[in-house]
Every structure is written in structure tokens, then in C-alpha cells.
Amino acid sequence: MPREITVDELARNLERGEKPLLVDVRQPWEHELSRLPDSVLVPLPELAQRAGEIRPRAGQQVVCYCHHGVRSLHAAELLTRGGLRDVVSLAGGIDAWSLQIDPAIPRY
């Protein structure tokens, strides 16, 4: 089972100046509605074929996220099996981020 990061943990990491590679695995229409800043969109159905596009810097954590945290678990597992290290899924997804961290991010 892939590791998860809570929205609180991610917010603290960002406040400390960490720059994780944020990978949005939702559909383009979802990404247009609401997204985390500087995230890369790679929809889950395309991830296996596009995994080579996910290139974290040395020591950079990869944080996969989706709407509620289910698709991102699958994405984190796929990327981990593909050889990437330090890949996590955002527990609760963008919805939890909007509820707990930044209410300016639209919910849907």
C-alpha cells in the first residue's frame, strides 16, 4: 500500500519552503475547476504510458492527488512500482485541501 500524506503535513512542508512535485491525476475538466499551484496534470488513465514525464529532482518528494484520494493511491503505487522513490498520495485529495487548508479552492 502506498504511503499517504495529510493535507496538514503537505501544507507545513510547503510553508517550510519544500517544493514537492505535485501530480494531479484527475481529468482535465477537474483540473480546470480546482488545482494546487504548480501541479502537473497527468490523468490516471494516461499515467502508465506517461510515467516517464514524472521526473522529480534528487530528493524531491512526489505527491499525487485527485478529488478524494482514491485515484492518487493507485497513481502512487504505479509510480513506486515503476521505480520512483518517495511517492505519496494526498489523503482526502483536493477536497480535503479545500476544506481544511484553502477554502478559496473550489469544491465540486
PDB file of N, CA and C in Angstrom:
ATOM      1  N   MET A   1       0.843  -1.186   0.000  1.00  0.00           N
ATOM      2  CA  MET A   1       0.000   0.000   0.000  1.00  0.00           C
ATOM      3  C   MET A   1       0.885   1.245   0.000  1.00  0.00           C
ATOM      4  N   PRO A   2       0.614   2.181  -0.892  1.00  0.00           N
ATOM      5  CA  PRO A   2       1.412   3.414  -0.940  1.00  0.00           C
ATOM      6  C   PRO A   2       1.236   4.242   0.331  1.00  0.00           C
ATOM      7  N   ARG A   3       2.235   5.041   0.599  1.00  0.00           N
ATOM      8  CA  ARG A   3       2.164   5.951   1.741  1.00  0.00           C
ATOM      9  C   ARG A   3       1.255   7.127   1.395  1.00  0.00           C
ATOM     10  N   GLU A   4       0.709   7.731   2.450  1.00  0.00           N
ATOM     11  CA  GLU A   4      -0.124   8.915   2.274  1.00  0.00           C
ATOM     12  C   GLU A   4       0.471  10.067   3.074  1.00  0.00           C
ATOM     13  N   ILE A   5       0.137  11.259   2.633  1.00  0.00           N
ATOM     14  CA  ILE A   5       0.489  12.475   3.358  1.00  0.00           C
ATOM     15  C   ILE A   5      -0.828  13.207   3.609  1.00  0.00           C
ATOM     16  N   THR A   6      -0.974  13.768   4.790  1.00  0.00           N
ATOM     17  CA  THR A   6      -2.191  14.527   5.078  1.00  0.00           C
ATOM     18  C   THR A   6      -2.071  15.930   4.488  1.00  0.00           C
ATOM     19  N   VAL A   7      -3.208  16.579   4.357  1.00  0.00           N
ATOM     20  CA  VAL A   7      -3.171  17.955   3.849  1.00  0.00           C
ATOM     21  C   VAL A   7      -2.432  18.864   4.819  1.00  0.00           C
ATOM     22  N   ASP A   8      -2.547  18.606   6.110  1.00  0.00           N
ATOM     23  CA  ASP A   8      -1.812  19.406   7.095  1.00  0.00           C
ATOM     24  C   ASP A   8      -0.303  19.235   6.935  1.00  0.00           C
ATOM     25  N   GLU A   9       0.130  17.995   6.737  1.00  0.00           N
ATOM     26  CA  GLU A   9       1.563  17.741   6.547  1.00  0.00           C
ATOM     27  C   GLU A   9       2.069  18.425   5.283  1.00  0.00           C
ATOM     28  N   LEU A  10       1.320  18.311   4.201  1.00  0.00           N
ATOM     29  CA  LEU A  10       1.733  18.953   2.950  1.00  0.00           C
ATOM     30  C   LEU A  10       1.776  20.465   3.119  1.00  0.00           C
ATOM     31  N   ALA A  11       0.782  21.043   3.767  1.00  0.00           N
ATOM     32  CA  ALA A  11       0.770  22.494   3.983  1.00  0.00           C
ATOM     33  C   ALA A  11       1.990  22.937   4.791  1.00  0.00           C
ATOM     34  N   ARG A  12       2.329  22.183   5.835  1.00  0.00           N
ATOM     35  CA  ARG A  12       3.522  22.516   6.638  1.00  0.00           C
ATOM     36  C   ARG A  12       4.787  22.419   5.795  1.00  0.00           C
ATOM     37  N   ASN A  13       4.886  21.374   4.987  1.00  0.00           N
ATOM     38  CA  ASN A  13       6.062  21.220   4.127  1.00  0.00           C
ATOM     39  C   ASN A  13       6.196  22.398   3.164  1.00  0.00           C
ATOM     40  N   LEU A  14       5.087  22.801   2.580  1.00  0.00           N
ATOM     41  CA  LEU A  14       5.121  23.940   1.656  1.00  0.00           C
ATOM     42  C   LEU A  14       5.493  25.225   2.383  1.00  0.00           C
ATOM     43  N   GLU A  15       4.979  25.410   3.593  1.00  0.00           N
ATOM     44  CA  GLU A  15       5.312  26.599   4.387  1.00  0.00           C
ATOM     45  C   GLU A  15       6.799  26.644   4.718  1.00  0.00           C
ATOM     46  N   ARG A  16       7.406  25.471   4.877  1.00  0.00           N
ATOM     47  CA  ARG A  16       8.844  25.399   5.173  1.00  0.00           C
ATOM     48  C   ARG A  16       9.695  25.603   3.925  1.00  0.00           C
ATOM     49  N   GLY A  17       9.042  25.789   2.790  1.00  0.00           N
ATOM     50  CA  GLY A  17       9.775  26.042   1.562  1.00  0.00           C
ATOM     51  C   GLY A  17      10.075  24.809   0.741  1.00  0.00           C
ATOM     52  N   GLU A  18       9.567  23.653   1.160  1.00  0.00           N
ATOM     53  CA  GLU A  18       9.769  22.448   0.358  1.00  0.00           C
ATOM     54  C   GLU A  18       8.975  22.584  -0.939  1.00  0.00           C
ATOM     55  N   LYS A  19       9.485  21.989  -1.981  1.00  0.00           N
ATOM     56  CA  LYS A  19       8.855  22.069  -3.299  1.00  0.00           C
ATOM     57  C   LYS A  19       8.635  20.663  -3.851  1.00  0.00           C
ATOM     58  N   PRO A  20       7.610  19.956  -3.355  1.00  0.00           N
ATOM     59  CA  PRO A  20       7.338  18.625  -3.895  1.00  0.00           C
ATOM     60  C   PRO A  20       6.852  18.721  -5.338  1.00  0.00           C
ATOM     61  N   LEU A  21       6.989  17.634  -6.062  1.00  0.00           N
ATOM     62  CA  LEU A  21       6.435  17.550  -7.400  1.00  0.00           C
ATOM     63  C   LEU A  21       4.979  17.118  -7.240  1.00  0.00           C
ATOM     64  N   LEU A  22       4.059  18.027  -7.503  1.00  0.00           N
ATOM     65  CA  LEU A  22       2.627  17.777  -7.329  1.00  0.00           C
ATOM     66  C   LEU A  22       2.056  17.244  -8.639  1.00  0.00           C
ATOM     67  N   VAL A  23       1.507  16.028  -8.587  1.00  0.00           N
ATOM     68  CA  VAL A  23       0.971  15.378  -9.781  1.00  0.00           C
ATOM     69  C   VAL A  23      -0.533  15.191  -9.607  1.00  0.00           C
ATOM     70  N   ASP A  24      -1.294  15.910 -10.399  1.00  0.00           N
ATOM     71  CA  ASP A  24      -2.753  15.827 -10.397  1.00  0.00           C
ATOM     72  C   ASP A  24      -3.151  14.709 -11.358  1.00  0.00           C
ATOM     73  N   VAL A  25      -3.807  13.666 -10.833  1.00  0.00           N
ATOM     74  CA  VAL A  25      -4.171  12.523 -11.672  1.00  0.00           C
ATOM     75  C   VAL A  25      -5.654  12.528 -12.048  1.00  0.00           C
ATOM     76  N   ARG A  26      -6.320  13.679 -11.879  1.00  0.00           N
ATOM     77  CA  ARG A  26      -7.726  13.804 -12.246  1.00  0.00           C
ATOM     78  C   ARG A  26      -7.854  14.088 -13.743  1.00  0.00           C
ATOM     79  N   GLN A  27      -9.066  14.256 -14.175  1.00  0.00           N
ATOM     80  CA  GLN A  27      -9.350  14.584 -15.573  1.00  0.00           C
ATOM     81  C   GLN A  27      -9.121  16.085 -15.815  1.00  0.00           C
ATOM     82  N   PRO A  28      -8.863  16.467 -17.070  1.00  0.00           N
ATOM     83  CA  PRO A  28      -8.616  17.884 -17.363  1.00  0.00           C
ATOM     84  C   PRO A  28      -9.717  18.819 -16.875  1.00  0.00           C
ATOM     85  N   TRP A  29     -10.991  18.430 -16.993  1.00  0.00           N
ATOM     86  CA  TRP A  29     -12.075  19.314 -16.544  1.00  0.00           C
ATOM     87  C   TRP A  29     -12.009  19.539 -15.031  1.00  0.00           C
ATOM     88  N   GLU A  30     -11.565  18.520 -14.283  1.00  0.00           N
ATOM     89  CA  GLU A  30     -11.438  18.671 -12.830  1.00  0.00           C
ATOM     90  C   GLU A  30     -10.281  19.612 -12.497  1.00  0.00           C
ATOM     91  N   HIS A  31      -9.186  19.446 -13.229  1.00  0.00           N
ATOM     92  CA  HIS A  31      -8.001  20.291 -13.031  1.00  0.00           C
ATOM     93  C   HIS A  31      -8.336  21.753 -13.309  1.00  0.00           C
ATOM     94  N   GLU A  32      -9.181  21.992 -14.307  1.00  0.00           N
ATOM     95  CA  GLU A  32      -9.590  23.364 -14.625  1.00  0.00           C
ATOM     96  C   GLU A  32     -10.417  23.973 -13.505  1.00  0.00           C
ATOM     97  N   LEU A  33     -11.231  23.170 -12.837  1.00  0.00           N
ATOM     98  CA  LEU A  33     -12.084  23.672 -11.749  1.00  0.00           C
ATOM     99  C   LEU A  33     -11.286  24.060 -10.515  1.00  0.00           C
ATOM    100  N   SER A  34     -10.357  23.190 -10.137  1.00  0.00           N
ATOM    101  CA  SER A  34      -9.599  23.431  -8.905  1.00  0.00           C
ATOM    102  C   SER A  34      -8.303  22.635  -8.965  1.00  0.00           C
ATOM    103  N   ARG A  35      -7.242  23.254  -8.508  1.00  0.00           N
ATOM    104  CA  ARG A  35      -5.936  22.580  -8.535  1.00  0.00           C
ATOM    105  C   ARG A  35      -4.993  23.244  -7.540  1.00  0.00           C
ATOM    106  N   LEU A  36      -3.969  22.482  -7.181  1.00  0.00           N
ATOM    107  CA  LEU A  36      -2.908  23.029  -6.352  1.00  0.00           C
ATOM    108  C   LEU A  36      -1.936  23.773  -7.260  1.00  0.00           C
ATOM    109  N   PRO A  37      -1.370  24.871  -6.797  1.00  0.00           N
ATOM    110  CA  PRO A  37      -0.443  25.643  -7.627  1.00  0.00           C
ATOM    111  C   PRO A  37       0.751  24.804  -8.077  1.00  0.00           C
ATOM    112  N   ASP A  38       1.182  25.045  -9.289  1.00  0.00           N
ATOM    113  CA  ASP A  38       2.376  24.407  -9.859  1.00  0.00           C
ATOM    114  C   ASP A  38       2.262  22.897  -9.991  1.00  0.00           C
ATOM    115  N   SER A  39       1.043  22.390 -10.077  1.00  0.00           N
ATOM    116  CA  SER A  39       0.896  20.946 -10.241  1.00  0.00           C
ATOM    117  C   SER A  39       0.922  20.568 -11.716  1.00  0.00           C
ATOM    118  N   VAL A  40       1.316  19.331 -11.965  1.00  0.00           N
ATOM    119  CA  VAL A  40       1.392  18.765 -13.304  1.00  0.00           C
ATOM    120  C   VAL A  40       0.185  17.853 -13.480  1.00  0.00           C
ATOM    121  N   LEU A  41      -0.538  18.003 -14.576  1.00  0.00           N
ATOM    122  CA  LEU A  41      -1.707  17.166 -14.845  1.00  0.00           C
ATOM    123  C   LEU A  41      -1.302  15.959 -15.677  1.00  0.00           C
ATOM    124  N   VAL A  42      -1.503  14.771 -15.112  1.00  0.00           N
ATOM    125  CA  VAL A  42      -1.339  13.515 -15.837  1.00  0.00           C
ATOM    126  C   VAL A  42      -2.495  12.616 -15.393  1.00  0.00           C
ATOM    127  N   PRO A  43      -3.600  12.612 -16.145  1.00  0.00           N
ATOM    128  CA  PRO A  43      -4.758  11.817 -15.739  1.00  0.00           C
ATOM    129  C   PRO A  43      -4.382  10.350 -15.507  1.00  0.00           C
ATOM    130  N   LEU A  44      -4.980   9.764 -14.498  1.00  0.00           N
ATOM    131  CA  LEU A  44      -4.650   8.390 -14.121  1.00  0.00           C
ATOM    132  C   LEU A  44      -4.692   7.415 -15.298  1.00  0.00           C
ATOM    133  N   PRO A  45      -5.700   7.468 -16.193  1.00  0.00           N
ATOM    134  CA  PRO A  45      -5.703   6.519 -17.301  1.00  0.00           C
ATOM    135  C   PRO A  45      -4.491   6.644 -18.235  1.00  0.00           C
ATOM    136  N   GLU A  46      -3.818   7.778 -18.208  1.00  0.00           N
ATOM    137  CA  GLU A  46      -2.646   8.008 -19.057  1.00  0.00           C
ATOM    138  C   GLU A  46      -1.327   7.799 -18.320  1.00  0.00           C
ATOM    139  N   LEU A  47      -1.388   7.608 -17.014  1.00  0.00           N
ATOM    140  CA  LEU A  47      -0.176   7.630 -16.202  1.00  0.00           C
ATOM    141  C   LEU A  47       0.817   6.522 -16.554  1.00  0.00           C
ATOM    142  N   ALA A  48       0.350   5.320 -16.806  1.00  0.00           N
ATOM    143  CA  ALA A  48       1.275   4.224 -17.126  1.00  0.00           C
ATOM    144  C   ALA A  48       2.107   4.564 -18.364  1.00  0.00           C
ATOM    145  N   GLN A  49       1.468   5.150 -19.371  1.00  0.00           N
ATOM    146  CA  GLN A  49       2.181   5.497 -20.596  1.00  0.00           C
ATOM    147  C   GLN A  49       3.017   6.760 -20.445  1.00  0.00           C
ATOM    148  N   ARG A  50       2.628   7.637 -19.530  1.00  0.00           N
ATOM    149  CA  ARG A  50       3.320   8.921 -19.387  1.00  0.00           C
ATOM    150  C   ARG A  50       4.199   8.995 -18.138  1.00  0.00           C
ATOM    151  N   ALA A  51       4.400   7.877 -17.463  1.00  0.00           N
ATOM    152  CA  ALA A  51       5.159   7.878 -16.208  1.00  0.00           C
ATOM    153  C   ALA A  51       6.557   8.471 -16.377  1.00  0.00           C
ATOM    154  N   GLY A  52       7.131   8.332 -17.554  1.00  0.00           N
ATOM    155  CA  GLY A  52       8.456   8.893 -17.812  1.00  0.00           C
ATOM    156  C   GLY A  52       8.491  10.412 -17.738  1.00  0.00           C
ATOM    157  N   GLU A  53       7.333  11.043 -17.804  1.00  0.00           N
ATOM    158  CA  GLU A  53       7.261  12.504 -17.688  1.00  0.00           C
ATOM    159  C   GLU A  53       7.401  12.967 -16.237  1.00  0.00           C
ATOM    160  N   ILE A  54       7.220  12.042 -15.302  1.00  0.00           N
ATOM    161  CA  ILE A  54       7.322  12.385 -13.883  1.00  0.00           C
ATOM    162  C   ILE A  54       8.783  12.249 -13.494  1.00  0.00           C
ATOM    163  N   ARG A  55       9.473  13.377 -13.451  1.00  0.00           N
ATOM    164  CA  ARG A  55      10.912  13.386 -13.186  1.00  0.00           C
ATOM    165  C   ARG A  55      11.237  14.307 -12.009  1.00  0.00           C
ATOM    166  N   PRO A  56      11.143  13.773 -10.801  1.00  0.00           N
ATOM    167  CA  PRO A  56      11.486  14.610  -9.636  1.00  0.00           C
ATOM    168  C   PRO A  56      12.990  14.883  -9.591  1.00  0.00           C
ATOM    169  N   ARG A  57      13.325  16.024  -9.029  1.00  0.00           N
ATOM    170  CA  ARG A  57      14.738  16.329  -8.771  1.00  0.00           C
ATOM    171  C   ARG A  57      15.239  15.402  -7.674  1.00  0.00           C
ATOM    172  N   ALA A  58      16.519  15.288  -7.534  1.00  0.00           N
ATOM    173  CA  ALA A  58      17.100  14.454  -6.471  1.00  0.00           C
ATOM    174  C   ALA A  58      16.546  14.906  -5.123  1.00  0.00           C
ATOM    175  N   GLY A  59      15.983  13.976  -4.368  1.00  0.00           N
ATOM    176  CA  GLY A  59      15.450  14.278  -3.050  1.00  0.00           C
ATOM    177  C   GLY A  59      14.072  14.908  -3.033  1.00  0.00           C
ATOM    178  N   GLN A  60      13.483  15.132  -4.195  1.00  0.00           N
ATOM    179  CA  GLN A  60      12.165  15.774  -4.267  1.00  0.00           C
ATOM    180  C   GLN A  60      11.056  14.730  -4.094  1.00  0.00           C
ATOM    181  N   GLN A  61      10.146  15.007  -3.197  1.00  0.00           N
ATOM    182  CA  GLN A  61       9.008  14.120  -2.974  1.00  0.00           C
ATOM    183  C   GLN A  61       7.981  14.316  -4.085  1.00  0.00           C
ATOM    184  N   VAL A  62       7.353  13.220  -4.501  1.00  0.00           N
ATOM    185  CA  VAL A  62       6.267  13.260  -5.469  1.00  0.00           C
ATOM    186  C   VAL A  62       4.965  13.087  -4.691  1.00  0.00           C
ATOM    187  N   VAL A  63       4.057  14.049  -4.839  1.00  0.00           N
ATOM    188  CA  VAL A  63       2.762  13.994  -4.176  1.00  0.00           C
ATOM    189  C   VAL A  63       1.688  13.887  -5.252  1.00  0.00           C
ATOM    190  N   CYS A  64       1.043  12.718  -5.316  1.00  0.00           N
ATOM    191  CA  CYS A  64      -0.067  12.512  -6.242  1.00  0.00           C
ATOM    192  C   CYS A  64      -1.351  12.954  -5.549  1.00  0.00           C
ATOM    193  N   TYR A  65      -2.233  13.603  -6.297  1.00  0.00           N
ATOM    194  CA  TYR A  65      -3.516  13.969  -5.705  1.00  0.00           C
ATOM    195  C   TYR A  65      -4.633  13.854  -6.725  1.00  0.00           C
ATOM    196  N   CYS A  66      -5.840  13.685  -6.184  1.00  0.00           N
ATOM    197  CA  CYS A  66      -7.047  13.586  -7.003  1.00  0.00           C
ATOM    198  C   CYS A  66      -8.169  14.288  -6.246  1.00  0.00           C
ATOM    199  N   HIS A  67      -9.403  13.866  -6.458  1.00  0.00           N
ATOM    200  CA  HIS A  67     -10.532  14.520  -5.812  1.00  0.00           C
ATOM    201  C   HIS A  67     -10.633  14.153  -4.330  1.00  0.00           C
ATOM    202  N   HIS A  68     -10.651  12.844  -4.034  1.00  0.00           N
ATOM    203  CA  HIS A  68     -10.807  12.398  -2.648  1.00  0.00           C
ATOM    204  C   HIS A  68      -9.678  11.504  -2.152  1.00  0.00           C
ATOM    205  N   GLY A  69      -8.709  11.177  -2.985  1.00  0.00           N
ATOM    206  CA  GLY A  69      -7.571  10.384  -2.532  1.00  0.00           C
ATOM    207  C   GLY A  69      -7.568   8.932  -2.944  1.00  0.00           C
ATOM    208  N   VAL A  70      -8.508   8.508  -3.771  1.00  0.00           N
ATOM    209  CA  VAL A  70      -8.551   7.114  -4.211  1.00  0.00           C
ATOM    210  C   VAL A  70      -7.690   6.910  -5.459  1.00  0.00           C
ATOM    211  N   ARG A  71      -7.919   7.709  -6.481  1.00  0.00           N
ATOM    212  CA  ARG A  71      -7.116   7.590  -7.712  1.00  0.00           C
ATOM    213  C   ARG A  71      -5.640   7.856  -7.428  1.00  0.00           C
ATOM    214  N   SER A  72      -5.378   8.781  -6.528  1.00  0.00           N
ATOM    215  CA  SER A  72      -3.982   9.112  -6.230  1.00  0.00           C
ATOM    216  C   SER A  72      -3.255   7.960  -5.535  1.00  0.00           C
ATOM    217  N   LEU A  73      -3.979   7.134  -4.783  1.00  0.00           N
ATOM    218  CA  LEU A  73      -3.359   5.937  -4.194  1.00  0.00           C
ATOM    219  C   LEU A  73      -2.888   4.998  -5.296  1.00  0.00           C
ATOM    220  N   HIS A  74      -3.731   4.808  -6.308  1.00  0.00           N
ATOM    221  CA  HIS A  74      -3.353   3.964  -7.439  1.00  0.00           C
ATOM    222  C   HIS A  74      -2.163   4.564  -8.183  1.00  0.00           C
ATOM    223  N   ALA A  75      -2.179   5.869  -8.356  1.00  0.00           N
ATOM    224  CA  ALA A  75      -1.080   6.545  -9.055  1.00  0.00           C
ATOM    225  C   ALA A  75       0.229   6.394  -8.287  1.00  0.00           C
ATOM    226  N   ALA A  76       0.179   6.592  -6.984  1.00  0.00           N
ATOM    227  CA  ALA A  76       1.394   6.467  -6.174  1.00  0.00           C
ATOM    228  C   ALA A  76       1.948   5.042  -6.243  1.00  0.00           C
ATOM    229  N   GLU A  77       1.063   4.074  -6.222  1.00  0.00           N
ATOM    230  CA  GLU A  77       1.508   2.682  -6.325  1.00  0.00           C
ATOM    231  C   GLU A  77       2.153   2.420  -7.682  1.00  0.00           C
ATOM    232  N   LEU A  78       1.536   2.901  -8.749  1.00  0.00           N
ATOM    233  CA  LEU A  78       2.072   2.715 -10.093  1.00  0.00           C
ATOM    234  C   LEU A  78       3.461   3.347 -10.220  1.00  0.00           C
ATOM    235  N   LEU A  79       3.618   4.562  -9.736  1.00  0.00           N
ATOM    236  CA  LEU A  79       4.910   5.248  -9.840  1.00  0.00           C
ATOM    237  C   LEU A  79       5.971   4.586  -8.969  1.00  0.00           C
ATOM    238  N   THR A  80       5.559   4.093  -7.801  1.00  0.00           N
ATOM    239  CA  THR A  80       6.506   3.400  -6.919  1.00  0.00           C
ATOM    240  C   THR A  80       6.968   2.104  -7.570  1.00  0.00           C
ATOM    241  N   ARG A  81       6.027   1.340  -8.117  1.00  0.00           N
ATOM    242  CA  ARG A  81       6.393   0.101  -8.814  1.00  0.00           C
ATOM    243  C   ARG A  81       7.280   0.392 -10.013  1.00  0.00           C
ATOM    244  N   GLY A  82       7.129   1.576 -10.587  1.00  0.00           N
ATOM    245  CA  GLY A  82       7.946   1.978 -11.727  1.00  0.00           C
ATOM    246  C   GLY A  82       9.342   2.439 -11.343  1.00  0.00           C
ATOM    247  N   GLY A  83       9.631   2.467 -10.039  1.00  0.00           N
ATOM    248  CA  GLY A  83      10.988   2.789  -9.610  1.00  0.00           C
ATOM    249  C   GLY A  83      11.190   4.137  -8.955  1.00  0.00           C
ATOM    250  N   LEU A  84      10.169   4.959  -8.881  1.00  0.00           N
ATOM    251  CA  LEU A  84      10.344   6.253  -8.223  1.00  0.00           C
ATOM    252  C   LEU A  84      10.351   6.064  -6.711  1.00  0.00           C
ATOM    253  N   ARG A  85      11.135   6.871  -6.050  1.00  0.00           N
ATOM    254  CA  ARG A  85      11.197   6.843  -4.594  1.00  0.00           C
ATOM    255  C   ARG A  85      10.441   8.034  -4.032  1.00  0.00           C
ATOM    256  N   ASP A  86      10.066   7.923  -2.789  1.00  0.00           N
ATOM    257  CA  ASP A  86       9.389   8.994  -2.063  1.00  0.00           C
ATOM    258  C   ASP A  86       8.168   9.518  -2.812  1.00  0.00           C
ATOM    259  N   VAL A  87       7.269   8.597  -3.126  1.00  0.00           N
ATOM    260  CA  VAL A  87       5.995   8.933  -3.758  1.00  0.00           C
ATOM    261  C   VAL A  87       4.898   8.728  -2.722  1.00  0.00           C
ATOM    262  N   VAL A  88       4.037   9.727  -2.563  1.00  0.00           N
ATOM    263  CA  VAL A  88       2.936   9.644  -1.608  1.00  0.00           C
ATOM    264  C   VAL A  88       1.644  10.087  -2.277  1.00  0.00           C
ATOM    265  N   SER A  89       0.541   9.714  -1.653  1.00  0.00           N
ATOM    266  CA  SER A  89      -0.789  10.123  -2.090  1.00  0.00           C
ATOM    267  C   SER A  89      -1.337  11.126  -1.082  1.00  0.00           C
ATOM    268  N   LEU A  90      -2.001  12.146  -1.572  1.00  0.00           N
ATOM    269  CA  LEU A  90      -2.598  13.151  -0.692  1.00  0.00           C
ATOM    270  C   LEU A  90      -3.914  12.612  -0.139  1.00  0.00           C
ATOM    271  N   ALA A  91      -3.933  12.290   1.134  1.00  0.00           N
ATOM    272  CA  ALA A  91      -5.122  11.748   1.786  1.00  0.00           C
ATOM    273  C   ALA A  91      -6.256  12.763   1.729  1.00  0.00           C
ATOM    274  N   GLY A  92      -7.397  12.332   1.225  1.00  0.00           N
ATOM    275  CA  GLY A  92      -8.555  13.224   1.136  1.00  0.00           C
ATOM    276  C   GLY A  92      -8.581  14.092  -0.098  1.00  0.00           C
ATOM    277  N   GLY A  93      -7.472  14.132  -0.840  1.00  0.00           N
ATOM    278  CA  GLY A  93      -7.402  14.845  -2.104  1.00  0.00           C
ATOM    279  C   GLY A  93      -7.629  16.346  -2.020  1.00  0.00           C
ATOM    280  N   ILE A  94      -7.939  16.912  -3.180  1.00  0.00           N
ATOM    281  CA  ILE A  94      -8.145  18.363  -3.291  1.00  0.00           C
ATOM    282  C   ILE A  94      -9.353  18.801  -2.469  1.00  0.00           C
ATOM    283  N   ASP A  95     -10.300  17.892  -2.268  1.00  0.00           N
ATOM    284  CA  ASP A  95     -11.474  18.236  -1.466  1.00  0.00           C
ATOM    285  C   ASP A  95     -11.066  18.514  -0.023  1.00  0.00           C
ATOM    286  N   ALA A  96     -10.219  17.659   0.543  1.00  0.00           N
ATOM    287  CA  ALA A  96      -9.735  17.880   1.915  1.00  0.00           C
ATOM    288  C   ALA A  96      -8.897  19.151   1.981  1.00  0.00           C
ATOM    289  N   TRP A  97      -8.106  19.410   0.941  1.00  0.00           N
ATOM    290  CA  TRP A  97      -7.289  20.626   0.908  1.00  0.00           C
ATOM    291  C   TRP A  97      -8.192  21.861   0.982  1.00  0.00           C
ATOM    292  N   SER A  98      -9.266  21.843   0.190  1.00  0.00           N
ATOM    293  CA  SER A  98     -10.195  22.966   0.181  1.00  0.00           C
ATOM    294  C   SER A  98     -10.896  23.136   1.529  1.00  0.00           C
ATOM    295  N   LEU A  99     -11.294  22.029   2.135  1.00  0.00           N
ATOM    296  CA  LEU A  99     -11.994  22.086   3.419  1.00  0.00           C
ATOM    297  C   LEU A  99     -11.096  22.498   4.580  1.00  0.00           C
ATOM    298  N   GLN A 100      -9.862  22.025   4.593  1.00  0.00           N
ATOM    299  CA  GLN A 100      -9.003  22.197   5.766  1.00  0.00           C
ATOM    300  C   GLN A 100      -7.903  23.237   5.613  1.00  0.00           C
ATOM    301  N   ILE A 101      -7.482  23.505   4.388  1.00  0.00           N
ATOM    302  CA  ILE A 101      -6.320  24.390   4.201  1.00  0.00           C
ATOM    303  C   ILE A 101      -6.678  25.674   3.463  1.00  0.00           C
ATOM    304  N   ASP A 102      -7.314  25.574   2.308  1.00  0.00           N
ATOM    305  CA  ASP A 102      -7.547  26.751   1.473  1.00  0.00           C
ATOM    306  C   ASP A 102      -8.967  26.744   0.906  1.00  0.00           C
ATOM    307  N   PRO A 103      -9.903  27.378   1.612  1.00  0.00           N
ATOM    308  CA  PRO A 103     -11.287  27.400   1.134  1.00  0.00           C
ATOM    309  C   PRO A 103     -11.479  28.171  -0.167  1.00  0.00           C
ATOM    310  N   ALA A 104     -10.451  28.874  -0.643  1.00  0.00           N
ATOM    311  CA  ALA A 104     -10.562  29.578  -1.920  1.00  0.00           C
ATOM    312  C   ALA A 104     -10.511  28.593  -3.086  1.00  0.00           C
ATOM    313  N   ILE A 105     -10.041  27.381  -2.846  1.00  0.00           N
ATOM    314  CA  ILE A 105     -10.027  26.363  -3.895  1.00  0.00           C
ATOM    315  C   ILE A 105     -11.440  25.798  -4.002  1.00  0.00           C
ATOM    316  N   PRO A 106     -12.057  25.909  -5.161  1.00  0.00           N
ATOM    317  CA  PRO A 106     -13.444  25.463  -5.312  1.00  0.00           C
ATOM    318  C   PRO A 106     -13.617  23.964  -5.062  1.00  0.00           C
ATOM    319  N   ARG A 107     -14.737  23.636  -4.432  1.00  0.00           N
ATOM    320  CA  ARG A 107     -15.113  22.235  -4.240  1.00  0.00           C
ATOM    321  C   ARG A 107     -16.117  21.865  -5.326  1.00  0.00           C
ATOM    322  N   TYR A 108     -16.158  20.597  -5.635  1.00  0.00           N
ATOM    323  CA  TYR A 108     -17.125  20.120  -6.631  1.00  0.00           C
ATOM    324  C   TYR A 108     -17.591  18.738  -6.274  1.00  0.00           C
TER     325      TYR A 108
END
